[in-house]
Amino acid sequence: MKIRFEHLTKIFPNMNKKLPDVVAVNDFDFEIPDGKLIGLLGPSGCGKSTALNIICGLERPTKGRIYFDDDDVTDLPPENRGVGMVFQNYALYPHLTVKENIMFPLRNIKRSERPSEEEMEERVLEAARLVQIEQLMERKPSQMSGGQQQRVAIARALVKGPPVLLLDEPLSNLDARLRLQTREELKRIQTETGITTVFVTHDQEEAMSISDLIVVMKEGAVHQIGHPQDVYDDPRDLFVAKFLGTPPINVFTGEIRNGGLMIGDEEVLRVSGDVRDQKVYIGIRPEGFELSDTGAFTVDMIRVEVMGRDTSVVSRHDAMTGVSIRSIIPSDSGIDRNAKKVRFDLKPHKVDLFDIETEERITCGLMRREG
């Protein structure tokens, strides 16, 4: 089932009448394709959970319409939308067994439409097998790990066979290793079921790893929609560039001068295209550095961190906007850990330029200097 937003807006009145109202969702106008897993991504307070609540009917939009396929569901109550939802805190009933928790939504169906006991048993077992907890059916939530409880919550959301599955930061209560395992399971389940899934998270690595498309939000507005790698490689603005990536993109103040890209007094790349001389923000991905004795860009080294396959060079430069610079290079690069200064060449396809005032990305060609 596809989900279509038509100029959807949600405004919350401010309790303090002297302050402006809060625009939680600002003019959503896009479509979620059928059978895809979509990541709604952004910092806390950007409106992603409000958007999820509008999809399931817990919130009514101030303006605009929402459609499931061609059906307008804007005014449809939550219980009639057929949506499955998994919350951050699992929301399991502590006095019920796993089997009873999963079966609960089926027992809540009005009697005339409720499946038979035999069919409910079959559906519960099928949902439990899908999330691989069929051996835990008689346990209570208190007898299970966080990851197992999360699987119960997912099975409960799937047992009615919903056309849409909504996940509201479902992994945030899990430790790092369990998060990795559970997000892989989520992707497997979504692929096997083909359910249109909307996954809300503030963790960009999480969203990029399992989403077919990501929607990057800030202050209620959509900044960019696209395939995760496309958005990472071609950010629309500085906010998107800084939000995506671990470690984050390194940002410098610089300028375009006579066809050269300058950081401080060094020309680090050449610029092609119809681009005027101007001051710019320069974003360089951590993997965009190449160690070179004759490199175009010189930094003051702070320390070297060996991470196994890769090495992280932590450095500083007068033009940087962050606390430090992180450059990821292969561990066999042979860097001198005692060096005071390090020189790099930059990979042009890992460098982005942004307007100093609007912070919009500047379209131009970048290339290495000759000689």
Protein backbone atom coordinates (compact mmCIF):
# COMPACT_ATOMS: atom_id res chain seq x y z
CA MET A 1 0.00 0.00 0.00
CA LYS A 2 1.36 3.42 -0.91
CA ILE A 3 0.94 6.40 1.41
CA ARG A 4 0.46 9.83 -0.12
CA PHE A 5 0.70 13.18 1.67
CA GLU A 6 -0.92 16.22 0.08
CA HIS A 7 0.39 19.45 1.64
CA LEU A 8 0.04 17.93 5.11
CA THR A 9 0.60 20.37 7.99
CA LYS A 10 0.26 19.96 11.74
CA ILE A 11 0.36 23.01 14.02
CA PHE A 12 0.25 22.80 17.82
CA PRO A 13 -0.97 25.95 19.60
CA ASN A 14 1.61 27.36 22.01
CA MET A 15 0.42 27.43 25.62
CA ASN A 16 2.30 30.71 25.98
CA LYS A 17 0.19 33.05 23.86
CA LYS A 18 3.12 35.43 23.49
CA LEU A 19 5.07 32.81 21.53
CA PRO A 20 4.28 31.56 18.02
CA ASP A 21 2.50 28.24 17.48
CA VAL A 22 4.64 25.14 16.90
CA VAL A 23 4.67 23.84 13.32
CA ALA A 24 5.46 20.14 13.86
CA VAL A 25 4.84 19.05 10.26
CA ASN A 26 5.22 21.65 7.54
CA ASP A 27 3.66 21.06 4.10
CA PHE A 28 4.43 17.37 3.55
CA ASP A 29 3.81 16.68 -0.14
CA PHE A 30 5.31 13.35 -1.21
CA GLU A 31 4.49 9.68 -1.67
CA ILE A 32 5.77 6.58 0.12
CA PRO A 33 5.93 3.76 -2.46
CA ASP A 34 4.12 0.47 -1.93
CA GLY A 35 6.12 -2.25 -0.19
CA LYS A 36 9.14 -0.10 0.72
CA LEU A 37 10.84 0.60 4.05
CA ILE A 38 11.09 4.35 4.55
CA GLY A 39 13.25 5.97 7.22
CA LEU A 40 11.96 9.24 8.71
CA LEU A 41 15.19 10.77 9.95
CA GLY A 42 16.03 13.91 11.83
CA PRO A 43 17.07 15.39 15.18
CA SER A 44 14.78 15.34 18.21
CA GLY A 45 11.83 17.68 17.79
CA CYS A 46 11.91 17.68 13.98
CA GLY A 47 8.34 16.32 13.68
CA LYS A 48 9.01 12.72 12.62
CA SER A 49 6.95 11.12 15.43
CA THR A 50 4.12 13.56 14.77
CA ALA A 51 4.14 12.49 11.12
CA LEU A 52 3.90 8.86 12.25
CA ASN A 53 0.99 9.68 14.55
CA ILE A 54 -0.82 11.35 11.65
CA ILE A 55 -0.37 8.25 9.49
CA CYS A 56 -1.90 5.99 12.14
CA GLY A 57 -4.64 8.48 13.06
CA LEU A 58 -3.53 9.42 16.58
CA GLU A 59 -3.13 13.02 15.39
CA ARG A 60 -5.31 14.93 12.94
CA PRO A 61 -3.57 17.27 10.50
CA THR A 62 -4.28 20.99 10.70
CA LYS A 63 -4.25 21.20 6.90
CA GLY A 64 -3.82 18.81 3.99
CA ARG A 65 -4.89 15.24 3.26
CA ILE A 66 -3.41 11.75 3.64
CA TYR A 67 -4.22 8.81 1.35
CA PHE A 68 -3.69 5.06 1.58
CA ASP A 69 -3.52 4.10 -2.09
CA ASP A 70 -6.44 6.16 -3.46
CA ASP A 71 -8.48 6.18 -0.24
CA ASP A 72 -8.61 9.43 1.73
CA VAL A 73 -8.05 8.39 5.37
CA THR A 74 -7.60 11.89 6.81
CA ASP A 75 -10.79 11.65 8.87
CA LEU A 76 -10.70 7.89 9.45
CA PRO A 77 -10.26 6.85 13.12
CA PRO A 78 -7.15 4.84 14.03
CA GLU A 79 -9.00 1.56 14.58
CA ASN A 80 -10.31 1.61 11.00
CA ARG A 81 -6.96 2.24 9.29
CA GLY A 82 -5.57 -1.28 9.70
CA VAL A 83 -2.14 0.02 10.69
CA GLY A 84 0.33 -1.91 12.85
CA MET A 85 2.46 0.16 15.21
CA VAL A 86 5.54 -0.67 17.31
CA PHE A 87 6.45 1.78 20.05
CA GLN A 88 9.79 2.67 21.61
CA ASN A 89 8.88 1.16 25.00
CA TYR A 90 7.42 -2.14 23.67
CA ALA A 91 4.10 -1.56 25.55
CA LEU A 92 3.64 -5.25 26.40
CA TYR A 93 1.11 -6.39 29.00
CA PRO A 94 3.23 -7.73 31.89
CA HIS A 95 0.57 -10.16 33.16
CA LEU A 96 0.10 -11.83 29.76
CA THR A 97 2.29 -14.47 28.13
CA VAL A 98 4.00 -13.91 24.80
CA LYS A 99 1.21 -15.83 23.07
CA GLU A 100 -1.48 -13.78 24.80
CA ASN A 101 0.28 -10.49 24.00
CA ILE A 102 0.52 -11.35 20.32
CA MET A 103 -3.10 -12.53 20.24
CA PHE A 104 -4.45 -9.44 21.99
CA PRO A 105 -5.18 -7.40 18.80
CA LEU A 106 -7.12 -10.34 17.33
CA ARG A 107 -9.26 -10.70 20.45
CA ASN A 108 -10.06 -6.97 20.23
CA ILE A 109 -11.68 -7.35 16.81
CA LYS A 110 -15.45 -7.06 17.12
CA ARG A 111 -17.09 -10.44 17.50
CA SER A 112 -18.79 -10.53 14.11
CA GLU A 113 -15.44 -10.11 12.30
CA ARG A 114 -13.15 -11.94 14.74
CA PRO A 115 -11.33 -15.03 13.39
CA SER A 116 -12.03 -18.42 14.92
CA GLU A 117 -9.90 -19.66 17.82
CA GLU A 118 -8.13 -22.04 15.47
CA GLU A 119 -7.33 -19.29 12.96
CA MET A 120 -6.11 -16.97 15.72
CA GLU A 121 -3.79 -19.70 16.98
CA GLU A 122 -2.41 -20.14 13.45
CA ARG A 123 -1.87 -16.41 12.97
CA VAL A 124 -0.12 -16.03 16.31
CA LEU A 125 2.22 -18.92 15.58
CA GLU A 126 2.95 -17.56 12.09
CA ALA A 127 3.80 -14.11 13.50
CA ALA A 128 5.98 -15.67 16.23
CA ARG A 129 7.87 -17.75 13.65
CA LEU A 130 8.44 -14.67 11.52
CA VAL A 131 10.28 -12.96 14.38
CA GLN A 132 11.80 -16.24 15.61
CA ILE A 133 10.28 -16.40 19.12
CA GLU A 134 7.96 -19.43 18.72
CA GLN A 135 9.86 -21.22 21.50
CA LEU A 136 9.05 -18.42 24.01
CA MET A 137 5.26 -18.46 23.76
CA GLU A 138 4.56 -19.26 27.43
CA ARG A 139 6.97 -16.72 28.91
CA LYS A 140 5.98 -13.42 30.50
CA PRO A 141 7.70 -10.16 29.44
CA SER A 142 9.68 -10.00 32.69
CA GLN A 143 11.33 -13.33 31.78
CA MET A 144 12.68 -12.01 28.49
CA SER A 145 15.53 -9.81 27.27
CA GLY A 146 14.94 -6.40 25.69
CA GLY A 147 15.52 -7.79 22.22
CA GLN A 148 13.04 -10.61 22.77
CA GLN A 149 10.42 -8.19 24.09
CA GLN A 150 10.91 -6.04 21.01
CA ARG A 151 10.27 -9.07 18.80
CA VAL A 152 7.04 -9.74 20.68
CA ALA A 153 5.95 -6.15 20.02
CA ILE A 154 6.72 -6.56 16.32
CA ALA A 155 4.82 -9.88 16.14
CA ARG A 156 1.82 -8.27 17.82
CA ALA A 157 1.86 -5.48 15.23
CA LEU A 158 2.07 -8.01 12.38
CA VAL A 159 -0.53 -10.55 13.53
CA LYS A 160 -3.47 -8.77 11.89
CA GLY A 161 -1.63 -8.61 8.57
CA PRO A 162 -1.61 -4.79 8.37
CA PRO A 163 -0.94 -3.12 5.01
CA VAL A 164 1.20 -0.51 6.82
CA LEU A 165 3.69 -1.00 9.66
CA LEU A 166 4.86 1.99 11.71
CA LEU A 167 7.98 1.79 13.89
CA ASP A 168 8.60 4.64 16.35
CA GLU A 169 12.28 4.45 17.38
CA PRO A 170 11.86 0.74 18.22
CA LEU A 171 15.57 0.07 18.82
CA SER A 172 16.53 2.97 21.08
CA ASN A 173 16.22 0.94 24.30
CA LEU A 174 18.59 -1.80 23.12
CA ASP A 175 22.36 -2.00 23.57
CA ALA A 176 24.62 -1.46 20.56
CA ARG A 177 25.14 -5.11 19.58
CA LEU A 178 21.45 -5.96 19.99
CA ARG A 179 20.44 -2.90 17.97
CA LEU A 180 22.56 -4.10 15.07
CA GLN A 181 21.06 -7.60 15.22
CA THR A 182 17.48 -6.37 15.60
CA ARG A 183 17.65 -3.87 12.74
CA GLU A 184 18.86 -6.66 10.46
CA GLU A 185 15.86 -8.70 11.60
CA LEU A 186 13.53 -5.78 10.90
CA LYS A 187 14.80 -5.54 7.34
CA ARG A 188 14.43 -9.31 6.87
CA ILE A 189 10.85 -9.26 8.17
CA GLN A 190 9.90 -6.28 6.01
CA THR A 191 11.41 -7.91 2.91
CA GLU A 192 9.61 -11.21 3.58
CA THR A 193 6.23 -9.61 4.26
CA GLY A 194 6.39 -6.81 1.69
CA ILE A 195 4.57 -4.49 4.10
CA THR A 196 4.96 -0.76 3.53
CA THR A 197 6.97 0.26 6.58
CA VAL A 198 7.75 3.69 8.04
CA PHE A 199 10.67 3.67 10.46
CA VAL A 200 11.24 6.71 12.68
CA THR A 201 14.71 7.25 14.14
CA HIS A 202 17.22 9.97 14.98
CA ASP A 203 20.07 7.51 14.34
CA GLN A 204 21.23 8.19 10.77
CA GLU A 205 23.40 5.07 10.59
CA GLU A 206 20.39 2.97 11.56
CA ALA A 207 18.17 4.59 8.95
CA MET A 208 20.74 4.39 6.15
CA SER A 209 21.51 0.72 6.78
CA ILE A 210 17.98 -0.67 6.33
CA SER A 211 15.88 1.94 4.50
CA ASP A 212 14.94 1.83 0.82
CA LEU A 213 14.41 5.60 0.99
CA ILE A 214 15.16 8.15 3.68
CA VAL A 215 13.30 11.38 4.43
CA VAL A 216 15.57 13.89 6.20
CA MET A 217 13.60 16.35 8.33
CA LYS A 218 14.36 19.51 10.26
CA GLU A 219 11.90 21.67 12.21
CA GLY A 220 8.90 19.98 10.62
CA ALA A 221 10.07 20.43 7.03
CA VAL A 222 11.44 17.84 4.60
CA HIS A 223 14.97 18.75 3.51
CA GLN A 224 15.67 15.82 1.21
CA ILE A 225 14.20 12.49 0.08
CA GLY A 226 16.17 9.81 -1.70
CA HIS A 227 18.06 6.54 -1.59
CA PRO A 228 20.42 6.59 1.42
CA GLN A 229 23.65 6.51 -0.58
CA ASP A 230 22.38 9.17 -3.01
CA VAL A 231 21.49 11.53 -0.16
CA TYR A 232 24.88 10.90 1.47
CA ASP A 233 26.78 11.53 -1.76
CA ASP A 234 24.66 14.46 -2.99
CA PRO A 235 23.28 16.38 0.01
CA ARG A 236 20.94 19.20 -0.89
CA ASP A 237 22.20 21.52 1.84
CA LEU A 238 24.69 21.79 4.67
CA PHE A 239 22.22 20.49 7.26
CA VAL A 240 21.75 17.20 5.39
CA ALA A 241 25.50 16.89 4.79
CA LYS A 242 26.27 17.39 8.48
CA PHE A 243 23.47 15.13 9.71
CA LEU A 244 24.44 12.08 7.64
CA GLY A 245 27.70 10.27 8.18
CA THR A 246 29.73 8.70 11.01
CA PRO A 247 32.16 10.30 11.68
CA PRO A 248 30.41 13.47 10.47
CA ILE A 249 31.52 15.54 7.52
CA ASN A 250 34.38 18.00 8.16
CA VAL A 251 33.31 21.58 7.40
CA PHE A 252 35.65 24.49 6.63
CA THR A 253 35.24 28.09 5.62
CA GLY A 254 36.98 28.78 2.32
CA GLU A 255 36.55 30.53 -0.97
CA ILE A 256 36.50 30.08 -4.71
CA ARG A 257 39.19 32.33 -6.20
CA ASN A 258 40.23 32.44 -9.87
CA GLY A 259 39.00 28.90 -10.49
CA GLY A 260 40.71 27.50 -7.40
CA LEU A 261 39.15 26.20 -4.18
CA MET A 262 41.05 27.80 -1.30
CA ILE A 263 41.26 26.69 2.32
CA GLY A 264 43.39 29.28 4.01
CA ASP A 265 46.30 30.02 1.68
CA GLU A 266 46.25 26.59 0.00
CA GLU A 267 44.54 25.76 -3.28
CA VAL A 268 43.17 22.29 -2.51
CA LEU A 269 41.17 21.65 -5.73
CA ARG A 270 40.25 23.28 -9.03
CA VAL A 271 36.67 24.40 -9.70
CA SER A 272 34.96 24.12 -13.10
CA GLY A 273 31.62 25.45 -14.29
CA ASP A 274 29.98 28.84 -14.21
CA VAL A 275 30.78 29.65 -10.59
CA ARG A 276 31.72 33.13 -9.44
CA ASP A 277 34.44 33.93 -6.94
CA GLN A 278 32.86 33.75 -3.49
CA LYS A 279 33.26 32.62 0.09
CA VAL A 280 31.89 29.09 0.68
CA TYR A 281 31.52 26.35 3.22
CA ILE A 282 33.59 23.32 2.19
CA GLY A 283 32.45 19.90 3.37
CA ILE A 284 34.96 17.03 3.18
CA ARG A 285 33.85 13.51 4.10
CA PRO A 286 36.25 11.68 6.47
CA GLU A 287 37.05 9.17 3.72
CA GLY A 288 37.86 12.01 1.29
CA PHE A 289 41.50 12.41 2.42
CA GLU A 290 44.56 10.75 0.86
CA LEU A 291 47.84 10.88 2.73
CA SER A 292 50.57 12.43 0.54
CA ASP A 293 53.97 13.99 1.19
CA THR A 294 53.15 16.58 -1.49
CA GLY A 295 49.46 16.93 -0.65
CA ALA A 296 47.56 20.14 -1.35
CA PHE A 297 46.06 20.45 2.14
CA THR A 298 48.11 20.79 5.31
CA VAL A 299 46.75 20.24 8.83
CA ASP A 300 48.17 20.21 12.36
CA MET A 301 48.03 16.67 13.69
CA ILE A 302 46.64 16.01 17.18
CA ARG A 303 46.73 12.22 17.33
CA VAL A 304 46.28 8.98 15.39
CA GLU A 305 43.57 6.46 16.35
CA VAL A 306 43.98 2.92 15.00
CA MET A 307 40.61 1.23 14.42
CA GLY A 308 41.77 -2.06 12.89
CA ARG A 309 41.08 -1.88 9.17
CA ASP A 310 41.16 1.93 9.17
CA THR A 311 43.10 4.68 10.90
CA SER A 312 41.53 7.93 12.04
CA VAL A 313 43.79 10.99 11.88
CA VAL A 314 42.56 13.67 14.27
CA SER A 315 43.84 17.13 13.37
CA ARG A 316 42.98 20.81 13.34
CA HIS A 317 43.07 23.76 10.95
CA ASP A 318 42.34 27.44 11.43
CA ALA A 319 39.52 27.28 8.84
CA MET A 320 37.63 24.38 10.41
CA THR A 321 34.17 25.02 11.91
CA GLY A 322 34.09 22.00 14.23
CA VAL A 323 36.10 20.91 17.25
CA SER A 324 38.53 18.83 15.18
CA ILE A 325 39.05 17.20 11.79
CA ARG A 326 38.70 13.44 11.33
CA SER A 327 40.34 11.84 8.31
CA ILE A 328 39.82 8.11 7.70
CA ILE A 329 42.72 6.45 5.87
CA PRO A 330 43.80 2.79 5.45
CA SER A 331 45.79 1.41 8.38
CA ASP A 332 48.67 0.49 6.07
CA SER A 333 49.15 4.11 4.94
CA GLY A 334 52.32 4.40 7.01
CA ILE A 335 51.55 7.68 8.73
CA ASP A 336 54.21 9.10 11.05
CA ARG A 337 52.49 9.31 14.44
CA ASN A 338 55.06 11.79 15.71
CA ALA A 339 54.58 14.26 12.86
CA LYS A 340 53.44 17.77 13.78
CA LYS A 341 51.86 18.43 10.39
CA VAL A 342 50.20 16.10 7.88
CA ARG A 343 49.50 16.71 4.19
CA PHE A 344 46.56 15.31 2.27
CA ASP A 345 45.25 15.33 -1.26
CA LEU A 346 41.47 15.54 -1.43
CA LYS A 347 39.15 13.22 -3.39
CA PRO A 348 36.98 15.58 -5.47
CA HIS A 349 33.87 13.36 -5.31
CA LYS A 350 34.01 13.48 -1.49
CA VAL A 351 34.02 17.29 -1.33
CA ASP A 352 30.88 19.47 -1.41
CA LEU A 353 30.55 23.26 -1.54
CA PHE A 354 27.77 25.24 0.11
CA ASP A 355 26.61 28.83 -0.15
CA ILE A 356 27.89 30.79 2.84
CA GLU A 357 24.51 32.51 3.41
CA THR A 358 21.79 30.06 2.33
CA GLU A 359 23.84 26.90 3.06
CA GLU A 360 22.42 25.39 -0.15
CA ARG A 361 24.76 23.11 -2.09
CA ILE A 362 26.62 24.75 -4.99
CA THR A 363 26.59 22.77 -8.21
CA CYS A 364 30.02 22.74 -9.83
CA GLY A 365 32.80 20.44 -10.94
CA LEU A 366 35.80 19.77 -8.72
CA MET A 367 39.10 18.30 -9.85
CA ARG A 368 42.62 17.86 -8.58
CA ARG A 369 45.27 20.42 -9.36
CA GLU A 370 47.63 19.62 -12.18
CA GLY A 371 51.25 18.99 -11.23
